N, C-alpha and C. Protein backbone atom coordinates (compact mmCIF):
# COMPACT_ATOMS: atom_id res chain seq x y z
N MET A 1 -2.58 -13.72 -0.81
CA MET A 1 -2.80 -12.33 -0.42
C MET A 1 -3.59 -12.30 0.88
N THR A 2 -3.11 -11.57 1.79
CA THR A 2 -3.89 -11.42 2.97
C THR A 2 -4.84 -10.26 2.81
N LEU A 3 -6.11 -10.53 2.93
CA LEU A 3 -7.09 -9.50 2.71
C LEU A 3 -6.88 -8.34 3.66
N ASP A 4 -6.53 -8.63 4.89
CA ASP A 4 -6.31 -7.58 5.87
C ASP A 4 -5.25 -6.57 5.41
N GLU A 5 -4.13 -7.03 4.93
CA GLU A 5 -3.07 -6.13 4.47
C GLU A 5 -3.49 -5.37 3.24
N GLN A 6 -4.24 -6.00 2.35
CA GLN A 6 -4.67 -5.33 1.15
C GLN A 6 -5.67 -4.20 1.51
N VAL A 7 -6.56 -4.48 2.45
CA VAL A 7 -7.53 -3.47 2.90
C VAL A 7 -6.85 -2.32 3.58
N LYS A 8 -5.86 -2.61 4.47
CA LYS A 8 -5.11 -1.57 5.13
C LYS A 8 -4.36 -0.71 4.10
N GLY A 9 -3.76 -1.33 3.13
CA GLY A 9 -3.03 -0.61 2.09
C GLY A 9 -3.93 0.29 1.30
N THR A 10 -5.07 -0.21 0.93
CA THR A 10 -6.07 0.57 0.14
C THR A 10 -6.59 1.74 1.01
N ALA A 11 -6.83 1.50 2.26
CA ALA A 11 -7.35 2.54 3.15
C ALA A 11 -6.29 3.64 3.27
N GLU A 12 -5.03 3.24 3.41
CA GLU A 12 -3.96 4.26 3.49
C GLU A 12 -3.86 5.06 2.20
N GLN A 13 -4.00 4.39 1.08
CA GLN A 13 -3.93 5.09 -0.18
C GLN A 13 -5.03 6.11 -0.30
N VAL A 14 -6.26 5.71 0.02
CA VAL A 14 -7.42 6.57 -0.10
C VAL A 14 -7.29 7.77 0.87
N SER A 15 -6.96 7.46 2.10
CA SER A 15 -6.80 8.51 3.15
C SER A 15 -5.68 9.47 2.74
N GLY A 16 -4.61 8.91 2.27
CA GLY A 16 -3.46 9.76 1.87
C GLY A 16 -3.85 10.69 0.68
N LYS A 17 -4.59 10.15 -0.28
CA LYS A 17 -4.95 10.92 -1.42
C LYS A 17 -5.86 12.07 -1.00
N ALA A 18 -6.81 11.77 -0.08
CA ALA A 18 -7.72 12.80 0.42
C ALA A 18 -6.93 13.93 1.09
N LYS A 19 -5.96 13.56 1.92
CA LYS A 19 -5.17 14.55 2.61
C LYS A 19 -4.29 15.32 1.64
N GLU A 20 -3.77 14.66 0.62
CA GLU A 20 -2.98 15.29 -0.39
C GLU A 20 -3.76 16.32 -1.13
N VAL A 21 -4.98 15.97 -1.57
CA VAL A 21 -5.85 16.87 -2.28
C VAL A 21 -6.27 18.06 -1.39
N ALA A 22 -6.64 17.77 -0.13
CA ALA A 22 -6.99 18.83 0.78
C ALA A 22 -5.81 19.79 0.98
N GLY A 23 -4.66 19.26 1.12
CA GLY A 23 -3.46 20.13 1.32
C GLY A 23 -3.22 20.98 0.08
N ALA A 24 -3.38 20.40 -1.08
CA ALA A 24 -3.20 21.16 -2.30
C ALA A 24 -4.25 22.23 -2.47
N ALA A 25 -5.49 21.91 -2.10
CA ALA A 25 -6.57 22.89 -2.23
C ALA A 25 -6.43 24.07 -1.28
N THR A 26 -5.86 23.80 -0.12
CA THR A 26 -5.70 24.87 0.88
C THR A 26 -4.34 25.53 0.84
N GLY A 27 -3.46 25.04 -0.02
CA GLY A 27 -2.13 25.57 -0.11
C GLY A 27 -1.21 25.17 1.04
N ASP A 28 -1.59 24.10 1.74
CA ASP A 28 -0.81 23.60 2.86
C ASP A 28 0.12 22.49 2.34
N SER A 29 1.33 22.87 1.98
CA SER A 29 2.27 21.93 1.37
C SER A 29 2.68 20.82 2.32
N LYS A 30 2.68 21.11 3.62
CA LYS A 30 3.03 20.09 4.63
C LYS A 30 1.97 18.98 4.68
N SER A 31 0.69 19.36 4.68
CA SER A 31 -0.39 18.39 4.66
C SER A 31 -0.41 17.61 3.35
N GLU A 32 -0.14 18.31 2.26
CA GLU A 32 -0.06 17.68 0.95
C GLU A 32 1.03 16.59 0.94
N ALA A 33 2.19 16.94 1.48
CA ALA A 33 3.32 16.00 1.51
C ALA A 33 3.02 14.81 2.43
N LYS A 34 2.40 15.08 3.61
CA LYS A 34 2.04 14.00 4.49
C LYS A 34 1.01 13.05 3.83
N GLY A 35 0.07 13.63 3.08
CA GLY A 35 -0.89 12.80 2.39
C GLY A 35 -0.26 11.95 1.31
N LYS A 36 0.66 12.54 0.58
CA LYS A 36 1.37 11.79 -0.48
C LYS A 36 2.17 10.64 0.18
N LEU A 37 2.82 10.90 1.31
CA LEU A 37 3.59 9.89 2.00
C LEU A 37 2.68 8.75 2.49
N GLU A 38 1.52 9.12 3.04
CA GLU A 38 0.57 8.07 3.49
C GLU A 38 0.10 7.24 2.33
N GLY A 39 -0.17 7.85 1.20
CA GLY A 39 -0.61 7.12 0.02
C GLY A 39 0.46 6.19 -0.47
N LEU A 40 1.69 6.63 -0.50
CA LEU A 40 2.80 5.80 -0.92
C LEU A 40 3.05 4.64 0.10
N THR A 41 2.78 4.92 1.34
CA THR A 41 2.93 3.85 2.36
C THR A 41 1.90 2.75 2.11
N GLY A 42 0.71 3.16 1.78
CA GLY A 42 -0.32 2.18 1.46
C GLY A 42 0.01 1.36 0.24
N LYS A 43 0.53 2.06 -0.76
CA LYS A 43 0.97 1.38 -1.97
C LYS A 43 2.06 0.36 -1.70
N ALA A 44 3.00 0.78 -0.88
CA ALA A 44 4.12 -0.10 -0.53
C ALA A 44 3.62 -1.32 0.29
N ARG A 45 2.65 -1.08 1.21
CA ARG A 45 2.10 -2.16 1.99
C ARG A 45 1.46 -3.23 1.09
N LYS A 46 0.73 -2.77 0.06
CA LYS A 46 0.10 -3.72 -0.85
C LYS A 46 1.16 -4.46 -1.68
N ALA A 47 2.20 -3.74 -2.10
CA ALA A 47 3.25 -4.36 -2.92
C ALA A 47 3.99 -5.41 -2.12
N VAL A 48 4.29 -5.14 -0.85
CA VAL A 48 4.99 -6.14 -0.01
C VAL A 48 4.11 -7.36 0.17
N ASP A 49 2.81 -7.13 0.38
CA ASP A 49 1.89 -8.24 0.54
C ASP A 49 1.83 -9.11 -0.72
N ASP A 50 1.82 -8.44 -1.87
CA ASP A 50 1.81 -9.18 -3.15
C ASP A 50 3.09 -9.97 -3.34
N LEU A 51 4.22 -9.39 -2.95
CA LEU A 51 5.52 -10.05 -3.06
C LEU A 51 5.54 -11.26 -2.12
N LYS A 52 5.04 -11.09 -0.93
CA LYS A 52 4.99 -12.21 0.02
C LYS A 52 4.15 -13.34 -0.52
N GLU A 53 3.01 -13.03 -1.10
CA GLU A 53 2.13 -14.01 -1.67
C GLU A 53 2.82 -14.75 -2.84
N HIS A 54 3.54 -14.03 -3.65
CA HIS A 54 4.26 -14.62 -4.74
C HIS A 54 5.37 -15.55 -4.26
N ALA A 55 6.05 -15.12 -3.24
CA ALA A 55 7.11 -15.96 -2.68
C ALA A 55 6.56 -17.26 -2.10
N GLU A 56 5.40 -17.17 -1.43
CA GLU A 56 4.77 -18.36 -0.88
C GLU A 56 4.34 -19.30 -2.02
N ASP A 57 3.88 -18.75 -3.16
CA ASP A 57 3.52 -19.57 -4.28
C ASP A 57 4.72 -20.30 -4.86
N VAL A 58 5.85 -19.61 -4.92
CA VAL A 58 7.09 -20.19 -5.44
C VAL A 58 7.54 -21.31 -4.55
N VAL A 59 7.47 -21.09 -3.23
CA VAL A 59 7.87 -22.11 -2.28
C VAL A 59 6.98 -23.34 -2.43
N ASP A 60 5.71 -23.13 -2.58
CA ASP A 60 4.73 -24.22 -2.73
C ASP A 60 5.06 -25.01 -4.05
N ASP A 61 5.35 -24.32 -5.12
CA ASP A 61 5.69 -24.98 -6.39
C ASP A 61 6.96 -25.83 -6.25
N VAL A 62 7.97 -25.29 -5.57
CA VAL A 62 9.20 -26.04 -5.38
C VAL A 62 8.92 -27.28 -4.53
N LYS A 63 8.14 -27.15 -3.52
CA LYS A 63 7.82 -28.31 -2.66
C LYS A 63 7.10 -29.41 -3.45
N LYS A 64 6.26 -29.03 -4.39
CA LYS A 64 5.54 -30.00 -5.20
C LYS A 64 6.47 -30.79 -6.12
N LYS A 65 7.54 -30.14 -6.54
CA LYS A 65 8.46 -30.75 -7.47
C LYS A 65 9.41 -31.73 -6.75
N PHE A 66 9.51 -31.67 -5.47
CA PHE A 66 10.43 -32.55 -4.75
C PHE A 66 9.70 -33.48 -3.92
């Protein structure tokens, strides 16, 4: 796992959630949607990083067997 990508993903999730809540509180559906999108982008960034890490582990395991 690259710490940098995990931190970026978490920051996007937190920032997105804040924007989503602010949009909901003010009745601004556009801001709420943008916040939700930013949060989901952060979640996706973390998931891709986790997948990449898992793939690297699988490759390392295969290399050890041969």
